[in-house]
Amino acid sequence: MPDFKKITHVIYDLDGLLLDTEPIYDRVYQAIAHRCGKTLSESVKSQISGRNALDSARTIIEMLDLPLTPESFLREREPLLRDLLPDAKPFRVRCA
């Protein structure tokens, strides 16, 4: 058995902490909304901020009256995220 070094540190990345993923999620959610003839507004975005995937899907579906179940919304979301998330940029703190 190989001799591995003891783990001394762990980085726990909450969405948007290390990578700026919000623009990618916005693009994906907007694409799904457009497929249904809808537009994701700032008011919808403000309602899903910080929520988990299933709660976000439910909220988007309800607020935009999309003809999807939360599960089908998430199934549509996954391949889009898989394509775009590798391009996420590091989150940079902007100082005044």
C-alpha atoms as a PDB file:
ATOM      1  CA  MET A   1       0.000   0.000   0.000  1.00  0.00           C
ATOM      2  CA  PRO A   2       1.436   3.448  -0.929  1.00  0.00           C
ATOM      3  CA  ASP A   3       2.497   5.754   1.864  1.00  0.00           C
ATOM      4  CA  PHE A   4       0.360   8.908   1.509  1.00  0.00           C
ATOM      5  CA  LYS A   5       1.038  12.135   3.355  1.00  0.00           C
ATOM      6  CA  LYS A   6      -1.384  13.015   6.118  1.00  0.00           C
ATOM      7  CA  ILE A   7      -4.055  15.516   5.083  1.00  0.00           C
ATOM      8  CA  THR A   8      -3.402  18.743   6.952  1.00  0.00           C
ATOM      9  CA  HIS A   9      -5.784  21.186   5.221  1.00  0.00           C
ATOM     10  CA  VAL A  10      -9.133  21.098   3.496  1.00  0.00           C
ATOM     11  CA  ILE A  11     -10.641  23.826   1.337  1.00  0.00           C
ATOM     12  CA  TYR A  12     -14.411  23.841   1.500  1.00  0.00           C
ATOM     13  CA  ASP A  13     -15.739  25.774  -1.473  1.00  0.00           C
ATOM     14  CA  LEU A  14     -19.262  27.115  -1.224  1.00  0.00           C
ATOM     15  CA  ASP A  15     -20.606  28.217  -4.589  1.00  0.00           C
ATOM     16  CA  GLY A  16     -19.118  31.571  -5.398  1.00  0.00           C
ATOM     17  CA  LEU A  17     -16.415  31.476  -2.760  1.00  0.00           C
ATOM     18  CA  LEU A  18     -13.410  30.428  -4.850  1.00  0.00           C
ATOM     19  CA  LEU A  19     -14.909  30.402  -8.328  1.00  0.00           C
ATOM     20  CA  ASP A  20     -17.212  33.031  -9.775  1.00  0.00           C
ATOM     21  CA  THR A  21     -19.955  30.623 -10.855  1.00  0.00           C
ATOM     22  CA  GLU A  22     -22.939  32.970 -10.619  1.00  0.00           C
ATOM     23  CA  PRO A  23     -22.696  34.186 -14.250  1.00  0.00           C
ATOM     24  CA  ILE A  24     -22.608  30.569 -15.410  1.00  0.00           C
ATOM     25  CA  TYR A  25     -25.676  29.591 -13.390  1.00  0.00           C
ATOM     26  CA  ASP A  26     -27.425  32.723 -14.705  1.00  0.00           C
ATOM     27  CA  ARG A  27     -26.659  31.673 -18.303  1.00  0.00           C
ATOM     28  CA  VAL A  28     -27.893  28.141 -17.705  1.00  0.00           C
ATOM     29  CA  TYR A  29     -31.087  29.216 -15.957  1.00  0.00           C
ATOM     30  CA  GLN A  30     -31.721  31.835 -18.645  1.00  0.00           C
ATOM     31  CA  ALA A  31     -31.249  29.209 -21.381  1.00  0.00           C
ATOM     32  CA  ILE A  32     -33.780  26.880 -19.766  1.00  0.00           C
ATOM     33  CA  ALA A  33     -36.240  29.750 -19.296  1.00  0.00           C
ATOM     34  CA  HIS A  34     -35.811  30.795 -22.953  1.00  0.00           C
ATOM     35  CA  ARG A  35     -36.563  27.244 -24.099  1.00  0.00           C
ATOM     36  CA  CYS A  36     -39.938  27.725 -22.420  1.00  0.00           C
ATOM     37  CA  GLY A  37     -40.459  31.221 -23.867  1.00  0.00           C
ATOM     38  CA  LYS A  38     -39.653  32.987 -20.581  1.00  0.00           C
ATOM     39  CA  THR A  39     -36.968  35.315 -19.264  1.00  0.00           C
ATOM     40  CA  LEU A  40     -35.206  35.002 -15.939  1.00  0.00           C
ATOM     41  CA  SER A  41     -35.619  38.385 -14.243  1.00  0.00           C
ATOM     42  CA  GLU A  42     -33.567  39.969 -11.491  1.00  0.00           C
ATOM     43  CA  SER A  43     -36.470  39.396  -9.086  1.00  0.00           C
ATOM     44  CA  VAL A  44     -36.338  35.647  -9.761  1.00  0.00           C
ATOM     45  CA  LYS A  45     -32.542  35.640  -9.383  1.00  0.00           C
ATOM     46  CA  SER A  46     -32.869  37.362  -6.019  1.00  0.00           C
ATOM     47  CA  GLN A  47     -35.293  34.668  -4.831  1.00  0.00           C
ATOM     48  CA  ILE A  48     -32.944  31.775  -5.668  1.00  0.00           C
ATOM     49  CA  SER A  49     -29.730  33.273  -4.347  1.00  0.00           C
ATOM     50  CA  GLY A  50     -28.199  30.965  -1.736  1.00  0.00           C
ATOM     51  CA  ARG A  51     -30.741  28.188  -2.196  1.00  0.00           C
ATOM     52  CA  ASN A  52     -29.930  24.594  -2.993  1.00  0.00           C
ATOM     53  CA  ALA A  53     -30.513  23.213  -6.488  1.00  0.00           C
ATOM     54  CA  LEU A  54     -33.926  21.655  -5.863  1.00  0.00           C
ATOM     55  CA  ASP A  55     -35.310  24.728  -4.068  1.00  0.00           C
ATOM     56  CA  SER A  56     -33.956  26.971  -6.830  1.00  0.00           C
ATOM     57  CA  ALA A  57     -35.593  24.800  -9.492  1.00  0.00           C
ATOM     58  CA  ARG A  58     -38.931  24.876  -7.660  1.00  0.00           C
ATOM     59  CA  THR A  59     -38.771  28.649  -7.265  1.00  0.00           C
ATOM     60  CA  ILE A  60     -37.861  29.293 -10.909  1.00  0.00           C
ATOM     61  CA  ILE A  61     -40.610  26.959 -12.125  1.00  0.00           C
ATOM     62  CA  GLU A  62     -43.193  28.561  -9.873  1.00  0.00           C
ATOM     63  CA  MET A  63     -42.239  32.182 -10.541  1.00  0.00           C
ATOM     64  CA  LEU A  64     -41.966  31.728 -14.324  1.00  0.00           C
ATOM     65  CA  ASP A  65     -44.770  29.188 -14.621  1.00  0.00           C
ATOM     66  CA  LEU A  66     -42.549  26.765 -16.514  1.00  0.00           C
ATOM     67  CA  PRO A  67     -44.015  23.498 -17.830  1.00  0.00           C
ATOM     68  CA  LEU A  68     -41.347  21.454 -16.026  1.00  0.00           C
ATOM     69  CA  THR A  69     -40.981  19.453 -12.867  1.00  0.00           C
ATOM     70  CA  PRO A  70     -38.087  20.354 -10.572  1.00  0.00           C
ATOM     71  CA  GLU A  71     -36.457  17.050 -11.483  1.00  0.00           C
ATOM     72  CA  SER A  72     -36.726  17.657 -15.238  1.00  0.00           C
ATOM     73  CA  PHE A  73     -35.402  21.197 -14.754  1.00  0.00           C
ATOM     74  CA  LEU A  74     -32.349  19.802 -12.966  1.00  0.00           C
ATOM     75  CA  ARG A  75     -31.853  17.158 -15.682  1.00  0.00           C
ATOM     76  CA  GLU A  76     -31.799  19.938 -18.303  1.00  0.00           C
ATOM     77  CA  ARG A  77     -29.440  21.973 -16.154  1.00  0.00           C
ATOM     78  CA  GLU A  78     -26.743  19.332 -15.656  1.00  0.00           C
ATOM     79  CA  PRO A  79     -25.285  19.014 -19.178  1.00  0.00           C
ATOM     80  CA  LEU A  80     -25.290  22.803 -19.569  1.00  0.00           C
ATOM     81  CA  LEU A  81     -23.406  23.234 -16.309  1.00  0.00           C
ATOM     82  CA  ARG A  82     -20.997  20.447 -17.220  1.00  0.00           C
ATOM     83  CA  ASP A  83     -20.121  22.320 -20.422  1.00  0.00           C
ATOM     84  CA  LEU A  84     -19.743  25.763 -18.826  1.00  0.00           C
ATOM     85  CA  LEU A  85     -18.354  25.267 -15.313  1.00  0.00           C
ATOM     86  CA  PRO A  86     -14.840  24.372 -16.497  1.00  0.00           C
ATOM     87  CA  ASP A  87     -14.619  27.981 -17.742  1.00  0.00           C
ATOM     88  CA  ALA A  88     -15.410  29.478 -14.326  1.00  0.00           C
ATOM     89  CA  LYS A  89     -12.998  32.216 -13.361  1.00  0.00           C
ATOM     90  CA  PRO A  90     -11.436  32.584  -9.922  1.00  0.00           C
ATOM     91  CA  PHE A  91     -13.457  34.832  -7.668  1.00  0.00           C
ATOM     92  CA  ARG A  92     -11.640  38.086  -7.054  1.00  0.00           C
ATOM     93  CA  VAL A  93     -12.345  40.393  -4.179  1.00  0.00           C
ATOM     94  CA  ARG A  94     -12.744  43.896  -5.468  1.00  0.00           C
ATOM     95  CA  CYS A  95     -11.408  46.540  -3.126  1.00  0.00           C
ATOM     96  CA  ALA A  96     -12.782  50.062  -3.113  1.00  0.00           C
END
